[in-house]
Amino acid sequence: MPLPNLNLPSGSTCSVKVIENGSKLGNLATKIAAGPSIPGFDILPNLPSYSFLIEGPKGRKILFDLGMRPDWRNLAPIVVNRISTQGWDLTADKHIATILQENGQDLNEIEAIILRCTYKFKAKMYLLQSHWHWDHIGCHSTFPASTALVVGPGFKEALLPGYPERGDSPILKSDYDGRNLIEIDFADQSSLKIGRLNAHDYFGDGSFYILDAPGHTIGHLCALARTTSSPDTFIFLPADAIHHGGELRPSEYLPIPESIFPHPVSSHASPYCPGHILDDLQESRGRKPGEPFLVPLGGYDVADLVRTIEKVQEADCHENIFVIFAHDDNMKDVIEFFPRDINQWKDKGLGQTARWKFLKDFAEALNLRS
C-alpha cells in the first residue's frame, strides 16, 4: 500500500531535547484507557510524563508540555480530590524549571524579544501546553511572569476563569494571572495542513508545527519538529492522543512484520517474535491484523480521538518520522535525555529500535502463543 502523502513543506530545523523529571504514574488500570483487553495486561506500565525543549534555528526556545509537578497536591482542588481517590502511585522528582536551571539554562534568557517601546531586550519563554490535563501542566509559578502560555482551541471558553474564581475549574487562576495567554485559532490558518491535521507554523520557518488534534481533551494539540534537512527527518509529538503504543500500531500503513528482532519479551528463549503470533492475538480479540491492538476508551470526544489517532498513523508509517508520545515508557531505554538533543535519531536507528518495544507489555499473552 502506498504511504500517505503528508505534503510537508520545506523549512528549517529545530533542536529537540526530551526532559525527564522522574515522573511516574503507576497502578493505572488499562481498562480506563484502552481496550479490548489483552490477557495479563491489566495494569499500564509505570508512565513517565515528558517535557520537550524546542530551540528554533534563531535561538528561540519553547517548551512543549511541563510534565508532572512533584507537589501535585497543590493543583486545583477538583483535580486533587479526583487523584486522591484513584489509588494511583504518583511521583516526580523535580520541577522542569529546576532541571533547566541545574543545567545552566537561565529561564529569563529563553525566547528573547525586542520591546521597541522600551529599547530593551525582554526575555520570554512560551510553555506550549498540549492540553490542560494535570500530568502535563507542571507548575507555571516556577517560571517568570513574562512566560506566556499557548493553548489550543476552546481552552478559554471551557476552562476560564480558574480556581478559586470558578470552583470546578481544573486549572488555577494563578496559572495564567499576569501572563500572556495565547489561544491558537486554526480557523485562521485553514490552508496549512500536515497530512490531514490543521497546522500552525510556530516559528514561521517550517521548523516546528503545532497541530490541531481534538478528542482527548478540549484544545488538545500535537506537534511536528523538523530535526534534520537533506534529507528531512522529523519528530512527531502526539502528546496524549496516545497513551500506549498499542493504540497506534499496527496500522493499515504499518502492518505487523513477519518477525520482530529482538524479541520484545527479553526473557523469551527465542531471539525473534514471529508475526503470526501477533496476528493470532489480534484475531482472538476481534481485531483485524491491520488494526491497532488497542482503541482508546476515554476522552472528551472518543470519536474525535480515534480520528486523530488515524491521522497520526499516517505520519507514523514514514521512516523519516519518529513518534514520541508524552507517556512512552519505552523511550527510557532508547533515547538520551536533556541536556542532550535527539536530532540524529535517524542515523542512530532509534525509530526502528523503539517501534515495537511496547509489545513487551503483552508478555503473558505472547508466551501463551509461543
Protein backbone atom coordinates (compact mmCIF):
# COMPACT_ATOMS: atom_id res chain seq x y z
CA MET A 1 0.00 0.00 0.00
CA PRO A 2 1.40 3.45 -0.89
CA LEU A 3 2.17 5.63 2.11
CA PRO A 4 0.05 8.74 2.71
CA ASN A 5 1.41 12.00 1.33
CA LEU A 6 1.82 14.41 4.23
CA ASN A 7 2.54 17.36 1.93
CA LEU A 8 5.38 18.53 4.14
CA PRO A 9 6.72 21.91 3.02
CA SER A 10 10.44 22.64 3.11
CA GLY A 11 11.81 24.51 6.09
CA SER A 12 14.47 25.00 8.72
CA THR A 13 15.31 22.63 11.56
CA CYS A 14 14.93 22.93 15.32
CA SER A 15 16.60 21.22 18.25
CA VAL A 16 14.55 18.72 20.28
CA LYS A 17 15.51 17.77 23.83
CA VAL A 18 13.38 15.48 25.98
CA ILE A 19 13.26 16.38 29.67
CA GLU A 20 12.60 13.54 32.11
CA ASN A 21 11.90 14.64 35.70
CA GLY A 22 11.47 11.24 37.31
CA SER A 23 7.71 11.38 36.99
CA LYS A 24 5.80 8.14 37.36
CA LEU A 25 2.11 7.40 37.04
CA GLY A 26 1.69 3.90 38.40
CA ASN A 27 -1.10 1.44 39.13
CA LEU A 28 -3.33 2.72 36.33
CA ALA A 29 -5.80 0.09 35.15
CA THR A 30 -5.55 -0.50 31.41
CA LYS A 31 -9.33 -0.62 31.06
CA ILE A 32 -9.69 3.07 31.93
CA ALA A 33 -7.55 3.99 28.93
CA ALA A 34 -7.83 1.39 26.19
CA GLY A 35 -9.22 -1.96 25.09
CA PRO A 36 -10.19 -4.63 24.16
CA SER A 37 -8.43 -6.42 26.98
CA ILE A 38 -5.26 -8.43 26.48
CA PRO A 39 -4.53 -11.37 28.83
CA GLY A 40 -2.09 -10.28 31.53
CA PHE A 41 -2.16 -6.63 30.51
CA ASP A 42 -4.42 -5.35 33.27
CA ILE A 43 -2.20 -2.53 34.53
CA LEU A 44 -0.41 0.01 32.37
CA PRO A 45 3.37 0.21 32.80
CA ASN A 46 4.67 3.00 35.02
CA LEU A 47 4.19 6.02 32.81
CA PRO A 48 6.60 8.95 32.62
CA SER A 49 5.40 12.40 31.59
CA TYR A 50 7.94 14.13 29.38
CA SER A 51 8.54 17.78 28.64
CA PHE A 52 10.17 18.82 25.36
CA LEU A 53 12.56 21.74 24.97
CA ILE A 54 12.43 23.07 21.42
CA GLU A 55 15.00 25.53 20.09
CA GLY A 56 14.36 27.18 16.74
CA PRO A 57 17.12 27.98 14.23
CA LYS A 58 17.45 31.55 15.50
CA GLY A 59 17.76 30.56 19.15
CA ARG A 60 14.15 30.98 20.21
CA LYS A 61 13.08 28.37 22.73
CA ILE A 62 9.78 26.94 23.87
CA LEU A 63 8.62 24.07 26.00
CA PHE A 64 6.02 21.59 24.78
CA ASP A 65 4.32 20.42 27.99
CA LEU A 66 5.66 20.74 31.53
CA GLY A 67 5.30 17.20 32.77
CA MET A 68 4.01 16.32 36.22
CA ARG A 69 4.76 18.53 39.20
CA PRO A 70 6.20 16.88 42.35
CA ASP A 71 3.80 18.83 44.59
CA TRP A 72 0.66 17.69 42.80
CA ARG A 73 -1.44 18.28 45.91
CA ASN A 74 -1.15 21.98 45.11
CA LEU A 75 -3.19 21.55 41.93
CA ALA A 76 -6.80 22.75 41.74
CA PRO A 77 -8.94 21.06 44.45
CA ILE A 78 -11.21 19.26 41.97
CA VAL A 79 -8.12 17.62 40.45
CA VAL A 80 -6.52 16.73 43.79
CA ASN A 81 -9.76 15.19 45.04
CA ARG A 82 -10.05 13.01 41.95
CA ILE A 83 -6.44 11.87 42.03
CA SER A 84 -6.60 11.07 45.74
CA THR A 85 -9.43 8.56 45.28
CA GLN A 86 -7.94 6.57 42.40
CA GLY A 87 -5.26 4.55 44.18
CA TRP A 88 -2.63 5.68 41.70
CA ASP A 89 1.07 5.76 42.53
CA LEU A 90 2.30 9.25 41.62
CA THR A 91 5.83 10.59 41.96
CA ALA A 92 8.01 13.23 40.33
CA ASP A 93 11.48 14.20 41.46
CA LYS A 94 11.81 17.81 40.32
CA HIS A 95 10.05 20.68 38.59
CA ILE A 96 11.05 21.06 34.93
CA ALA A 97 12.23 24.61 35.68
CA THR A 98 14.63 23.24 38.30
CA ILE A 99 16.14 20.77 35.84
CA LEU A 100 16.62 23.53 33.26
CA GLN A 101 18.37 25.77 35.77
CA GLU A 102 20.56 22.96 37.11
CA ASN A 103 21.85 22.53 33.57
CA GLY A 104 22.73 26.19 33.14
CA GLN A 105 19.56 27.37 31.43
CA ASP A 106 18.57 30.84 32.67
CA LEU A 107 14.81 30.95 32.26
CA ASN A 108 14.95 34.68 31.59
CA GLU A 109 17.22 34.16 28.57
CA ILE A 110 14.79 31.91 26.74
CA GLU A 111 12.78 33.42 23.85
CA ALA A 112 14.39 36.91 23.91
CA ILE A 113 12.46 39.57 22.03
CA ILE A 114 13.00 43.30 21.47
CA LEU A 115 10.37 45.57 23.03
CA ARG A 116 10.91 48.63 20.87
CA CYS A 117 8.85 50.86 23.13
CA THR A 118 11.44 50.47 25.89
CA TYR A 119 14.52 49.93 23.75
CA LYS A 120 15.45 46.96 25.90
CA PHE A 121 15.66 43.24 25.40
CA LYS A 122 12.79 41.47 27.10
CA ALA A 123 13.02 37.75 27.75
CA LYS A 124 10.04 35.49 27.25
CA MET A 125 9.54 31.78 27.42
CA TYR A 126 6.50 30.10 25.93
CA LEU A 127 5.13 26.99 27.61
CA LEU A 128 3.25 25.22 24.89
CA GLN A 129 0.55 23.32 26.73
CA SER A 130 -0.65 20.44 24.58
CA HIS A 131 -3.71 20.35 26.82
CA TRP A 132 -4.83 21.07 30.37
CA HIS A 133 -4.53 17.66 31.99
CA TRP A 134 -2.81 17.87 35.36
CA ASP A 135 0.04 15.50 34.49
CA HIS A 136 1.35 17.80 31.76
CA ILE A 137 0.90 21.34 33.02
CA GLY A 138 3.63 21.29 35.65
CA CYS A 139 3.92 24.37 37.85
CA HIS A 140 3.77 27.67 36.00
CA SER A 141 4.83 29.69 39.03
CA THR A 142 8.35 28.28 38.69
CA PHE A 143 8.76 30.39 35.52
CA PRO A 144 9.00 34.17 35.19
CA ALA A 145 5.79 36.17 34.81
CA SER A 146 6.95 37.02 31.28
CA THR A 147 6.44 33.38 30.34
CA ALA A 148 3.41 33.14 28.10
CA LEU A 149 1.04 30.19 27.84
CA VAL A 150 -0.01 28.89 24.43
CA VAL A 151 -3.15 26.74 24.39
CA GLY A 152 -5.46 25.06 21.91
CA PRO A 153 -8.90 25.99 20.59
CA GLY A 154 -11.71 26.26 23.13
CA PHE A 155 -9.45 26.46 26.18
CA LYS A 156 -10.53 29.90 27.36
CA GLU A 157 -14.24 29.32 26.93
CA ALA A 158 -14.20 25.92 28.61
CA LEU A 159 -11.77 26.43 31.48
CA LEU A 160 -11.65 30.08 32.45
CA PRO A 161 -11.77 31.55 34.97
CA GLY A 162 -9.58 29.25 37.03
CA TYR A 163 -9.93 28.22 40.64
CA PRO A 164 -10.88 29.81 43.06
CA GLU A 165 -12.90 32.22 40.94
CA ARG A 166 -14.57 29.19 39.40
CA GLY A 167 -14.78 26.40 41.95
CA ASP A 168 -14.93 23.49 39.48
CA SER A 169 -12.12 24.60 37.19
CA PRO A 170 -9.25 22.09 36.81
CA ILE A 171 -6.74 24.92 36.48
CA LEU A 172 -5.65 27.58 38.95
CA LYS A 173 -6.25 31.25 38.31
CA SER A 174 -2.66 31.78 39.39
CA ASP A 175 -1.55 29.58 36.46
CA TYR A 176 -2.26 32.36 33.99
CA ASP A 177 -2.71 35.55 36.05
CA GLY A 178 -0.25 38.18 34.89
CA ARG A 179 0.78 36.11 31.87
CA ASN A 180 0.05 36.35 28.18
CA LEU A 181 -2.42 33.55 27.44
CA ILE A 182 -2.42 32.80 23.71
CA GLU A 183 -5.11 30.57 22.20
CA ILE A 184 -4.31 29.31 18.71
CA ASP A 185 -7.06 29.77 16.14
CA PHE A 186 -6.56 27.16 13.45
CA ALA A 187 -9.54 28.55 11.53
CA ASP A 188 -7.36 31.48 10.52
CA GLN A 189 -4.81 29.07 9.02
CA SER A 190 -7.10 26.55 7.35
CA SER A 191 -4.90 26.29 4.27
CA LEU A 192 -1.93 24.91 6.23
CA LYS A 193 -2.09 21.20 6.88
CA ILE A 194 0.38 18.48 7.77
CA GLY A 195 -1.26 15.41 6.30
CA ARG A 196 -4.88 15.81 7.40
CA LEU A 197 -4.06 17.80 10.54
CA ASN A 198 -4.60 21.55 10.68
CA ALA A 199 -1.25 23.16 11.41
CA HIS A 200 0.33 26.35 12.74
CA ASP A 201 3.92 27.17 11.75
CA TYR A 202 5.08 28.36 15.16
CA PHE A 203 8.45 29.92 14.30
CA GLY A 204 7.36 30.82 10.78
CA ASP A 205 10.25 28.92 9.20
CA GLY A 206 8.93 25.37 8.86
CA SER A 207 10.93 24.00 11.78
CA PHE A 208 8.11 23.41 14.27
CA TYR A 209 4.40 22.92 13.62
CA ILE A 210 1.62 22.91 16.19
CA LEU A 211 -1.16 20.54 15.13
CA ASP A 212 -4.85 20.60 15.94
CA ALA A 213 -5.62 17.20 17.46
CA PRO A 214 -9.07 17.14 19.07
CA GLY A 215 -10.54 14.32 21.09
CA HIS A 216 -8.58 13.60 24.24
CA THR A 217 -9.44 16.96 25.77
CA ILE A 218 -10.68 20.36 24.74
CA GLY A 219 -7.88 22.14 22.90
CA HIS A 220 -5.59 19.12 22.63
CA LEU A 221 -2.52 19.73 20.48
CA CYS A 222 0.18 17.65 18.83
CA ALA A 223 3.40 18.90 17.24
CA LEU A 224 5.87 18.10 14.48
CA ALA A 225 9.54 19.13 14.69
CA ARG A 226 11.93 19.05 11.73
CA THR A 227 15.14 17.57 13.14
CA THR A 228 17.40 17.42 10.07
CA SER A 229 17.35 18.55 6.45
CA SER A 230 18.81 16.99 3.29
CA PRO A 231 17.27 14.57 3.96
CA ASP A 232 14.40 15.81 6.08
CA THR A 233 13.65 13.95 9.31
CA PHE A 234 11.00 14.77 11.89
CA ILE A 235 9.89 14.02 15.42
CA PHE A 236 6.13 13.79 15.88
CA LEU A 237 4.79 14.61 19.36
CA PRO A 238 1.25 13.24 19.70
CA ALA A 239 1.06 14.24 23.39
CA ASP A 240 -1.90 12.41 24.97
CA ALA A 241 -3.55 11.34 21.73
CA ILE A 242 -1.79 8.07 22.55
CA HIS A 243 -1.09 6.53 25.96
CA HIS A 244 0.31 3.20 24.76
CA GLY A 245 1.98 2.10 21.54
CA GLY A 246 -0.76 -0.47 21.05
CA GLU A 247 -3.21 2.35 20.30
CA LEU A 248 -1.05 3.41 17.35
CA ARG A 249 0.31 0.17 15.89
CA PRO A 250 -0.11 -1.81 13.77
CA SER A 251 -1.98 0.13 11.11
CA GLU A 252 -3.03 -0.32 7.53
CA TYR A 253 0.18 1.50 6.56
CA LEU A 254 2.43 -0.18 9.13
CA PRO A 255 1.43 -3.85 9.40
CA ILE A 256 2.90 -6.39 11.77
CA PRO A 257 6.19 -7.60 10.25
CA GLU A 258 6.86 -11.27 9.53
CA SER A 259 9.18 -11.31 12.54
CA ILE A 260 10.44 -8.84 15.13
CA PHE A 261 14.06 -8.79 16.28
CA PRO A 262 14.99 -8.67 19.03
CA HIS A 263 12.06 -10.38 20.68
CA PRO A 264 10.17 -7.67 22.64
CA VAL A 265 9.91 -10.01 25.63
CA SER A 266 13.54 -10.00 26.77
CA SER A 267 13.20 -13.21 28.81
CA HIS A 268 11.89 -15.20 25.85
CA ALA A 269 14.05 -18.09 24.67
CA SER A 270 13.76 -17.13 21.01
CA PRO A 271 15.55 -14.04 19.67
CA TYR A 272 12.70 -13.48 17.21
CA CYS A 273 8.98 -12.92 17.65
CA PRO A 274 7.03 -14.42 14.71
CA GLY A 275 4.47 -12.01 13.31
CA HIS A 276 1.79 -14.68 13.03
CA ILE A 277 1.66 -14.90 16.85
CA LEU A 278 0.69 -11.25 16.97
CA ASP A 279 -1.88 -11.76 14.22
CA ASP A 280 -3.38 -14.60 16.27
CA LEU A 281 -3.57 -12.34 19.32
CA GLN A 282 -5.40 -9.75 17.27
CA GLU A 283 -7.93 -12.19 15.86
CA SER A 284 -8.59 -13.78 19.26
CA ARG A 285 -9.79 -10.39 20.47
CA GLY A 286 -11.91 -9.50 17.47
CA ARG A 287 -9.25 -7.26 15.97
CA LYS A 288 -8.08 -7.41 12.38
CA PRO A 289 -4.33 -7.78 11.71
CA GLY A 290 -4.10 -4.28 10.19
CA GLU A 291 -5.78 -2.58 13.14
CA PRO A 292 -4.00 -1.30 16.26
CA PHE A 293 -4.03 -3.66 19.22
CA LEU A 294 -5.98 -1.16 21.30
CA VAL A 295 -8.55 1.57 20.88
CA PRO A 296 -9.00 4.47 23.31
CA LEU A 297 -11.87 4.10 25.76
CA GLY A 298 -11.76 7.52 27.40
CA GLY A 299 -11.55 11.13 26.33
CA TYR A 300 -13.56 14.29 25.87
CA ASP A 301 -14.74 13.05 22.46
CA VAL A 302 -13.64 9.47 21.76
CA ALA A 303 -14.80 9.56 18.13
CA ASP A 304 -12.64 12.62 17.50
CA LEU A 305 -9.77 10.96 19.34
CA VAL A 306 -9.95 7.87 17.13
CA ARG A 307 -9.87 10.11 14.05
CA THR A 308 -6.86 11.95 15.44
CA ILE A 309 -5.02 8.65 16.01
CA GLU A 310 -5.75 7.65 12.42
CA LYS A 311 -4.12 10.88 11.27
CA VAL A 312 -1.10 10.22 13.48
CA GLN A 313 -0.81 6.75 11.91
CA GLU A 314 -0.41 8.43 8.52
CA ALA A 315 2.79 10.01 9.86
CA ASP A 316 3.97 7.05 11.95
CA CYS A 317 4.45 4.80 8.93
CA HIS A 318 7.13 7.04 7.39
CA GLU A 319 10.72 6.01 8.09
CA ASN A 320 11.81 9.64 8.45
CA ILE A 321 9.32 10.38 11.26
CA PHE A 322 9.93 9.34 14.88
CA VAL A 323 6.81 9.35 17.08
CA ILE A 324 7.34 10.07 20.80
CA PHE A 325 4.22 10.39 22.90
CA ALA A 326 4.18 12.01 26.32
CA HIS A 327 3.87 8.80 28.36
CA ASP A 328 6.09 6.44 26.33
CA ASP A 329 7.99 4.46 28.96
CA ASN A 330 9.97 2.67 26.25
CA MET A 331 11.94 5.83 25.46
CA LYS A 332 13.94 5.40 28.66
CA ASP A 333 15.82 2.54 27.01
CA VAL A 334 16.13 4.20 23.61
CA ILE A 335 16.90 7.93 23.69
CA GLU A 336 19.25 10.26 25.55
CA PHE A 337 17.53 12.86 27.70
CA PHE A 338 18.13 16.56 28.30
CA PRO A 339 20.60 18.24 28.12
CA ARG A 340 21.37 16.18 25.00
CA ASP A 341 19.29 16.57 21.87
CA ILE A 342 17.91 13.68 19.84
CA ASN A 343 18.08 15.26 16.39
CA GLN A 344 20.27 12.47 14.99
CA TRP A 345 17.70 9.82 15.88
CA LYS A 346 17.51 8.52 12.29
CA ASP A 347 21.26 7.93 11.92
CA LYS A 348 21.22 6.10 15.26
CA GLY A 349 18.29 3.89 14.27
CA LEU A 350 16.21 4.99 17.27
CA GLY A 351 12.91 4.92 15.42
CA GLN A 352 13.38 1.30 14.42
CA THR A 353 14.58 0.36 17.91
CA ALA A 354 11.54 1.89 19.59
CA ARG A 355 8.81 0.90 17.13
CA TRP A 356 7.65 -2.43 18.58
CA LYS A 357 9.09 -2.25 22.10
CA PHE A 358 5.62 -1.74 23.56
CA LEU A 359 4.90 -5.41 22.82
CA LYS A 360 6.87 -6.29 25.96
CA ASP A 361 3.72 -5.34 27.89
CA PHE A 362 1.89 -8.24 26.23
CA ALA A 363 4.40 -10.81 27.54
CA GLU A 364 1.83 -13.12 29.12
CA ALA A 365 -0.33 -13.21 26.00
CA LEU A 366 2.66 -13.75 23.72
CA ASN A 367 4.13 -16.50 25.87
CA LEU A 368 0.81 -18.35 25.79
CA ARG A 369 1.06 -18.43 22.00
CA SER A 370 4.75 -19.29 21.68
